[in-house]
Amino acid sequence: MSPLAKMIIQALENEDDDIVLAEVLDFYEYLKEKKKRQKDALWKNIQEDESTNEEIEIINNYIQNDSSEKK
């Protein structure tokens, strides 16, 4: 775990205000969705190109691995 992550966890562990903790969780969810949208847009751009068979296989493997990790 990175030192920054440890520092954030320790700060949140000591936080007593439920509103602050809820805001942190909301912001985390926002960042997570933003990263997902960016990744999806990138993959959409890649998939719009005329891909070679090797590229198609790599993309399909990535999509399968990504969906199985989310389960």
PDB file of N, CA and C in Angstrom:
ATOM      1  N   MET A   1       0.856  -1.174   0.000  1.00  0.00           N
ATOM      2  CA  MET A   1       0.000   0.000   0.000  1.00  0.00           C
ATOM      3  C   MET A   1       0.898   1.231   0.000  1.00  0.00           C
ATOM      4  N   SER A   2       0.517   2.214  -0.770  1.00  0.00           N
ATOM      5  CA  SER A   2       1.333   3.418  -0.879  1.00  0.00           C
ATOM      6  C   SER A   2       1.251   4.257   0.404  1.00  0.00           C
ATOM      7  N   PRO A   3       2.277   5.057   0.654  1.00  0.00           N
ATOM      8  CA  PRO A   3       2.252   5.923   1.843  1.00  0.00           C
ATOM      9  C   PRO A   3       1.062   6.896   1.821  1.00  0.00           C
ATOM     10  N   LEU A   4       0.719   7.383   0.639  1.00  0.00           N
ATOM     11  CA  LEU A   4      -0.420   8.297   0.534  1.00  0.00           C
ATOM     12  C   LEU A   4      -1.716   7.592   0.928  1.00  0.00           C
ATOM     13  N   ALA A   5      -1.897   6.366   0.441  1.00  0.00           N
ATOM     14  CA  ALA A   5      -3.106   5.610   0.788  1.00  0.00           C
ATOM     15  C   ALA A   5      -3.174   5.371   2.290  1.00  0.00           C
ATOM     16  N   LYS A   6      -2.052   5.018   2.884  1.00  0.00           N
ATOM     17  CA  LYS A   6      -2.021   4.805   4.332  1.00  0.00           C
ATOM     18  C   LYS A   6      -2.391   6.079   5.086  1.00  0.00           C
ATOM     19  N   MET A   7      -1.866   7.217   4.631  1.00  0.00           N
ATOM     20  CA  MET A   7      -2.139   8.488   5.287  1.00  0.00           C
ATOM     21  C   MET A   7      -3.629   8.838   5.184  1.00  0.00           C
ATOM     22  N   ILE A   8      -4.215   8.618   4.017  1.00  0.00           N
ATOM     23  CA  ILE A   8      -5.638   8.912   3.820  1.00  0.00           C
ATOM     24  C   ILE A   8      -6.495   8.005   4.691  1.00  0.00           C
ATOM     25  N   ILE A   9      -6.156   6.722   4.722  1.00  0.00           N
ATOM     26  CA  ILE A   9      -6.919   5.773   5.541  1.00  0.00           C
ATOM     27  C   ILE A   9      -6.853   6.154   7.014  1.00  0.00           C
ATOM     28  N   GLN A  10      -5.668   6.532   7.486  1.00  0.00           N
ATOM     29  CA  GLN A  10      -5.522   6.926   8.883  1.00  0.00           C
ATOM     30  C   GLN A  10      -6.333   8.190   9.185  1.00  0.00           C
ATOM     31  N   ALA A  11      -6.329   9.148   8.257  1.00  0.00           N
ATOM     32  CA  ALA A  11      -7.094  10.378   8.470  1.00  0.00           C
ATOM     33  C   ALA A  11      -8.592  10.073   8.517  1.00  0.00           C
ATOM     34  N   LEU A  12      -9.051   9.206   7.614  1.00  0.00           N
ATOM     35  CA  LEU A  12     -10.472   8.864   7.589  1.00  0.00           C
ATOM     36  C   LEU A  12     -10.868   8.018   8.796  1.00  0.00           C
ATOM     37  N   GLU A  13      -9.951   7.216   9.267  1.00  0.00           N
ATOM     38  CA  GLU A  13     -10.215   6.386  10.433  1.00  0.00           C
ATOM     39  C   GLU A  13     -10.483   7.250  11.677  1.00  0.00           C
ATOM     40  N   ASN A  14      -9.841   8.394  11.730  1.00  0.00           N
ATOM     41  CA  ASN A  14      -9.995   9.294  12.877  1.00  0.00           C
ATOM     42  C   ASN A  14     -11.129  10.298  12.707  1.00  0.00           C
ATOM     43  N   GLU A  15     -11.773  10.288  11.543  1.00  0.00           N
ATOM     44  CA  GLU A  15     -12.846  11.252  11.269  1.00  0.00           C
ATOM     45  C   GLU A  15     -14.129  10.816  11.963  1.00  0.00           C
ATOM     46  N   ASP A  16     -14.749  11.741  12.681  1.00  0.00           N
ATOM     47  CA  ASP A  16     -15.988  11.443  13.398  1.00  0.00           C
ATOM     48  C   ASP A  16     -17.230  11.949  12.667  1.00  0.00           C
ATOM     49  N   ASP A  17     -17.057  12.880  11.740  1.00  0.00           N
ATOM     50  CA  ASP A  17     -18.190  13.497  11.056  1.00  0.00           C
ATOM     51  C   ASP A  17     -18.674  12.585   9.924  1.00  0.00           C
ATOM     52  N   ASP A  18     -19.901  12.079  10.056  1.00  0.00           N
ATOM     53  CA  ASP A  18     -20.468  11.181   9.048  1.00  0.00           C
ATOM     54  C   ASP A  18     -20.632  11.866   7.694  1.00  0.00           C
ATOM     55  N   ILE A  19     -20.894  13.155   7.709  1.00  0.00           N
ATOM     56  CA  ILE A  19     -21.081  13.892   6.459  1.00  0.00           C
ATOM     57  C   ILE A  19     -19.773  13.919   5.661  1.00  0.00           C
ATOM     58  N   VAL A  20     -18.671  14.143   6.341  1.00  0.00           N
ATOM     59  CA  VAL A  20     -17.369  14.148   5.673  1.00  0.00           C
ATOM     60  C   VAL A  20     -17.086  12.778   5.067  1.00  0.00           C
ATOM     61  N   LEU A  21     -17.340  11.725   5.828  1.00  0.00           N
ATOM     62  CA  LEU A  21     -17.104  10.373   5.313  1.00  0.00           C
ATOM     63  C   LEU A  21     -18.000  10.076   4.109  1.00  0.00           C
ATOM     64  N   ALA A  22     -19.242  10.512   4.151  1.00  0.00           N
ATOM     65  CA  ALA A  22     -20.152  10.309   3.021  1.00  0.00           C
ATOM     66  C   ALA A  22     -19.669  11.076   1.795  1.00  0.00           C
ATOM     67  N   GLU A  23     -19.171  12.301   1.999  1.00  0.00           N
ATOM     68  CA  GLU A  23     -18.645  13.087   0.882  1.00  0.00           C
ATOM     69  C   GLU A  23     -17.423  12.419   0.259  1.00  0.00           C
ATOM     70  N   VAL A  24     -16.580  11.850   1.090  1.00  0.00           N
ATOM     71  CA  VAL A  24     -15.401  11.145   0.590  1.00  0.00           C
ATOM     72  C   VAL A  24     -15.830   9.949  -0.257  1.00  0.00           C
ATOM     73  N   LEU A  25     -16.806   9.184   0.230  1.00  0.00           N
ATOM     74  CA  LEU A  25     -17.294   8.039  -0.533  1.00  0.00           C
ATOM     75  C   LEU A  25     -17.935   8.471  -1.840  1.00  0.00           C
ATOM     76  N   ASP A  26     -18.706   9.549  -1.817  1.00  0.00           N
ATOM     77  CA  ASP A  26     -19.315  10.071  -3.040  1.00  0.00           C
ATOM     78  C   ASP A  26     -18.249  10.493  -4.044  1.00  0.00           C
ATOM     79  N   PHE A  27     -17.209  11.157  -3.562  1.00  0.00           N
ATOM     80  CA  PHE A  27     -16.146  11.611  -4.450  1.00  0.00           C
ATOM     81  C   PHE A  27     -15.380  10.423  -5.020  1.00  0.00           C
ATOM     82  N   TYR A  28     -15.152   9.407  -4.193  1.00  0.00           N
ATOM     83  CA  TYR A  28     -14.488   8.196  -4.670  1.00  0.00           C
ATOM     84  C   TYR A  28     -15.304   7.558  -5.783  1.00  0.00           C
ATOM     85  N   GLU A  29     -16.614   7.458  -5.594  1.00  0.00           N
ATOM     86  CA  GLU A  29     -17.490   6.876  -6.620  1.00  0.00           C
ATOM     87  C   GLU A  29     -17.447   7.704  -7.902  1.00  0.00           C
ATOM     88  N   TYR A  30     -17.435   9.040  -7.762  1.00  0.00           N
ATOM     89  CA  TYR A  30     -17.344   9.922  -8.914  1.00  0.00           C
ATOM     90  C   TYR A  30     -16.042   9.670  -9.684  1.00  0.00           C
ATOM     91  N   LEU A  31     -14.927   9.584  -8.970  1.00  0.00           N
ATOM     92  CA  LEU A  31     -13.637   9.343  -9.628  1.00  0.00           C
ATOM     93  C   LEU A  31     -13.610   7.978 -10.315  1.00  0.00           C
ATOM     94  N   LYS A  32     -14.179   6.981  -9.655  1.00  0.00           N
ATOM     95  CA  LYS A  32     -14.215   5.638 -10.219  1.00  0.00           C
ATOM     96  C   LYS A  32     -15.016   5.625 -11.524  1.00  0.00           C
ATOM     97  N   GLU A  33     -16.166   6.275 -11.525  1.00  0.00           N
ATOM     98  CA  GLU A  33     -16.998   6.339 -12.735  1.00  0.00           C
ATOM     99  C   GLU A  33     -16.311   7.149 -13.837  1.00  0.00           C
ATOM    100  N   LYS A  34     -15.629   8.220 -13.458  1.00  0.00           N
ATOM    101  CA  LYS A  34     -14.919   9.041 -14.439  1.00  0.00           C
ATOM    102  C   LYS A  34     -13.826   8.220 -15.129  1.00  0.00           C
ATOM    103  N   LYS A  35     -13.065   7.466 -14.340  1.00  0.00           N
ATOM    104  CA  LYS A  35     -12.016   6.601 -14.901  1.00  0.00           C
ATOM    105  C   LYS A  35     -12.633   5.547 -15.822  1.00  0.00           C
ATOM    106  N   LYS A  36     -13.780   4.991 -15.422  1.00  0.00           N
ATOM    107  CA  LYS A  36     -14.440   3.977 -16.242  1.00  0.00           C
ATOM    108  C   LYS A  36     -14.893   4.578 -17.570  1.00  0.00           C
ATOM    109  N   ARG A  37     -15.469   5.780 -17.527  1.00  0.00           N
ATOM    110  CA  ARG A  37     -15.906   6.435 -18.763  1.00  0.00           C
ATOM    111  C   ARG A  37     -14.724   6.719 -19.679  1.00  0.00           C
ATOM    112  N   GLN A  38     -13.596   7.151 -19.093  1.00  0.00           N
ATOM    113  CA  GLN A  38     -12.405   7.423 -19.894  1.00  0.00           C
ATOM    114  C   GLN A  38     -11.897   6.140 -20.545  1.00  0.00           C
ATOM    115  N   LYS A  39     -11.869   5.060 -19.773  1.00  0.00           N
ATOM    116  CA  LYS A  39     -11.411   3.774 -20.307  1.00  0.00           C
ATOM    117  C   LYS A  39     -12.351   3.288 -21.399  1.00  0.00           C
ATOM    118  N   ASP A  40     -13.655   3.413 -21.171  1.00  0.00           N
ATOM    119  CA  ASP A  40     -14.631   2.980 -22.173  1.00  0.00           C
ATOM    120  C   ASP A  40     -14.493   3.785 -23.458  1.00  0.00           C
ATOM    121  N   ALA A  41     -14.264   5.097 -23.331  1.00  0.00           N
ATOM    122  CA  ALA A  41     -14.089   5.941 -24.513  1.00  0.00           C
ATOM    123  C   ALA A  41     -12.838   5.533 -25.276  1.00  0.00           C
ATOM    124  N   LEU A  42     -11.781   5.240 -24.558  1.00  0.00           N
ATOM    125  CA  LEU A  42     -10.541   4.800 -25.194  1.00  0.00           C
ATOM    126  C   LEU A  42     -10.752   3.496 -25.952  1.00  0.00           C
ATOM    127  N   TRP A  43     -11.425   2.536 -25.307  1.00  0.00           N
ATOM    128  CA  TRP A  43     -11.685   1.259 -25.972  1.00  0.00           C
ATOM    129  C   TRP A  43     -12.610   1.438 -27.159  1.00  0.00           C
ATOM    130  N   LYS A  44     -13.562   2.354 -27.061  1.00  0.00           N
ATOM    131  CA  LYS A  44     -14.462   2.603 -28.187  1.00  0.00           C
ATOM    132  C   LYS A  44     -13.664   3.113 -29.379  1.00  0.00           C
ATOM    133  N   ASN A  45     -12.722   4.019 -29.120  1.00  0.00           N
ATOM    134  CA  ASN A  45     -11.886   4.530 -30.203  1.00  0.00           C
ATOM    135  C   ASN A  45     -11.036   3.428 -30.815  1.00  0.00           C
ATOM    136  N   ILE A  46     -10.524   2.555 -29.986  1.00  0.00           N
ATOM    137  CA  ILE A  46      -9.704   1.445 -30.485  1.00  0.00           C
ATOM    138  C   ILE A  46     -10.561   0.499 -31.320  1.00  0.00           C
ATOM    139  N   GLN A  47     -11.758   0.222 -30.854  1.00  0.00           N
ATOM    140  CA  GLN A  47     -12.625  -0.723 -31.553  1.00  0.00           C
ATOM    141  C   GLN A  47     -13.171  -0.153 -32.863  1.00  0.00           C
ATOM    142  N   GLU A  48     -13.212   1.182 -33.015  1.00  0.00           N
ATOM    143  CA  GLU A  48     -13.706   1.777 -34.249  1.00  0.00           C
ATOM    144  C   GLU A  48     -12.718   1.625 -35.391  1.00  0.00           C
ATOM    145  N   ASP A  49     -11.432   1.484 -35.089  1.00  0.00           N
ATOM    146  CA  ASP A  49     -10.427   1.251 -36.113  1.00  0.00           C
ATOM    147  C   ASP A  49     -10.629  -0.144 -36.692  1.00  0.00           C
ATOM    148  N   GLU A  50     -10.104  -0.334 -37.892  1.00  0.00           N
ATOM    149  CA  GLU A  50     -10.145  -1.675 -38.459  1.00  0.00           C
ATOM    150  C   GLU A  50      -9.039  -2.485 -37.810  1.00  0.00           C
ATOM    151  N   SER A  51      -9.425  -3.322 -36.891  1.00  0.00           N
ATOM    152  CA  SER A  51      -8.472  -4.076 -36.089  1.00  0.00           C
ATOM    153  C   SER A  51      -8.020  -5.329 -36.825  1.00  0.00           C
ATOM    154  N   THR A  52      -6.796  -5.713 -36.514  1.00  0.00           N
ATOM    155  CA  THR A  52      -6.302  -6.990 -37.016  1.00  0.00           C
ATOM    156  C   THR A  52      -6.892  -8.088 -36.147  1.00  0.00           C
ATOM    157  N   ASN A  53      -6.768  -9.326 -36.588  1.00  0.00           N
ATOM    158  CA  ASN A  53      -7.279 -10.451 -35.797  1.00  0.00           C
ATOM    159  C   ASN A  53      -6.598 -10.519 -34.438  1.00  0.00           C
ATOM    160  N   GLU A  54      -5.302 -10.223 -34.407  1.00  0.00           N
ATOM    161  CA  GLU A  54      -4.572 -10.248 -33.140  1.00  0.00           C
ATOM    162  C   GLU A  54      -5.104  -9.177 -32.191  1.00  0.00           C
ATOM    163  N   GLU A  55      -5.371  -7.973 -32.706  1.00  0.00           N
ATOM    164  CA  GLU A  55      -5.909  -6.893 -31.869  1.00  0.00           C
ATOM    165  C   GLU A  55      -7.304  -7.240 -31.352  1.00  0.00           C
ATOM    166  N   ILE A  56      -8.105  -7.838 -32.192  1.00  0.00           N
ATOM    167  CA  ILE A  56      -9.458  -8.243 -31.780  1.00  0.00           C
ATOM    168  C   ILE A  56      -9.376  -9.268 -30.657  1.00  0.00           C
ATOM    169  N   GLU A  57      -8.457 -10.215 -30.780  1.00  0.00           N
ATOM    170  CA  GLU A  57      -8.287 -11.236 -29.743  1.00  0.00           C
ATOM    171  C   GLU A  57      -7.842 -10.599 -28.429  1.00  0.00           C
ATOM    172  N   ILE A  58      -6.909  -9.648 -28.497  1.00  0.00           N
ATOM    173  CA  ILE A  58      -6.428  -8.963 -27.297  1.00  0.00           C
ATOM    174  C   ILE A  58      -7.562  -8.192 -26.638  1.00  0.00           C
ATOM    175  N   ILE A  59      -8.342  -7.494 -27.431  1.00  0.00           N
ATOM    176  CA  ILE A  59      -9.461  -6.707 -26.900  1.00  0.00           C
ATOM    177  C   ILE A  59     -10.487  -7.628 -26.243  1.00  0.00           C
ATOM    178  N   ASN A  60     -10.822  -8.710 -26.909  1.00  0.00           N
ATOM    179  CA  ASN A  60     -11.810  -9.645 -26.350  1.00  0.00           C
ATOM    180  C   ASN A  60     -11.311 -10.268 -25.056  1.00  0.00           C
ATOM    181  N   ASN A  61     -10.036 -10.629 -25.013  1.00  0.00           N
ATOM    182  CA  ASN A  61      -9.465 -11.183 -23.779  1.00  0.00           C
ATOM    183  C   ASN A  61      -9.524 -10.157 -22.656  1.00  0.00           C
ATOM    184  N   TYR A  62      -9.206  -8.903 -22.972  1.00  0.00           N
ATOM    185  CA  TYR A  62      -9.253  -7.854 -21.953  1.00  0.00           C
ATOM    186  C   TYR A  62     -10.679  -7.682 -21.436  1.00  0.00           C
ATOM    187  N   ILE A  63     -11.636  -7.622 -22.331  1.00  0.00           N
ATOM    188  CA  ILE A  63     -13.032  -7.421 -21.928  1.00  0.00           C
ATOM    189  C   ILE A  63     -13.507  -8.581 -21.054  1.00  0.00           C
ATOM    190  N   GLN A  64     -13.140  -9.816 -21.421  1.00  0.00           N
ATOM    191  CA  GLN A  64     -13.535 -10.979 -20.618  1.00  0.00           C
ATOM    192  C   GLN A  64     -12.889 -10.929 -19.239  1.00  0.00           C
ATOM    193  N   ASN A  65     -11.598 -10.592 -19.187  1.00  0.00           N
ATOM    194  CA  ASN A  65     -10.903 -10.521 -17.899  1.00  0.00           C
ATOM    195  C   ASN A  65     -11.464  -9.398 -17.043  1.00  0.00           C
ATOM    196  N   ASP A  66     -11.756  -8.263 -17.663  1.00  0.00           N
ATOM    197  CA  ASP A  66     -12.283  -7.115 -16.932  1.00  0.00           C
ATOM    198  C   ASP A  66     -13.665  -7.430 -16.356  1.00  0.00           C
ATOM    199  N   SER A  67     -14.504  -8.105 -17.136  1.00  0.00           N
ATOM    200  CA  SER A  67     -15.849  -8.419 -16.645  1.00  0.00           C
ATOM    201  C   SER A  67     -15.804  -9.504 -15.570  1.00  0.00           C
ATOM    202  N   SER A  68     -14.858 -10.432 -15.660  1.00  0.00           N
ATOM    203  CA  SER A  68     -14.775 -11.477 -14.639  1.00  0.00           C
ATOM    204  C   SER A  68     -14.211 -10.930 -13.331  1.00  0.00           C
ATOM    205  N   GLU A  69     -13.370  -9.888 -13.389  1.00  0.00           N
ATOM    206  CA  GLU A  69     -12.835  -9.273 -12.171  1.00  0.00           C
ATOM    207  C   GLU A  69     -13.902  -8.513 -11.416  1.00  0.00           C
ATOM    208  N   LYS A  70     -14.897  -8.006 -12.111  1.00  0.00           N
ATOM    209  CA  LYS A  70     -15.952  -7.207 -11.479  1.00  0.00           C
ATOM    210  C   LYS A  70     -16.959  -8.082 -10.740  1.00  0.00           C
ATOM    211  N   LYS A  71     -16.976  -9.386 -11.021  1.00  0.00           N
ATOM    212  CA  LYS A  71     -17.961 -10.278 -10.389  1.00  0.00           C
ATOM    213  C   LYS A  71     -17.589 -10.616  -8.999  1.00  0.00           C
TER     214      LYS A  71
END
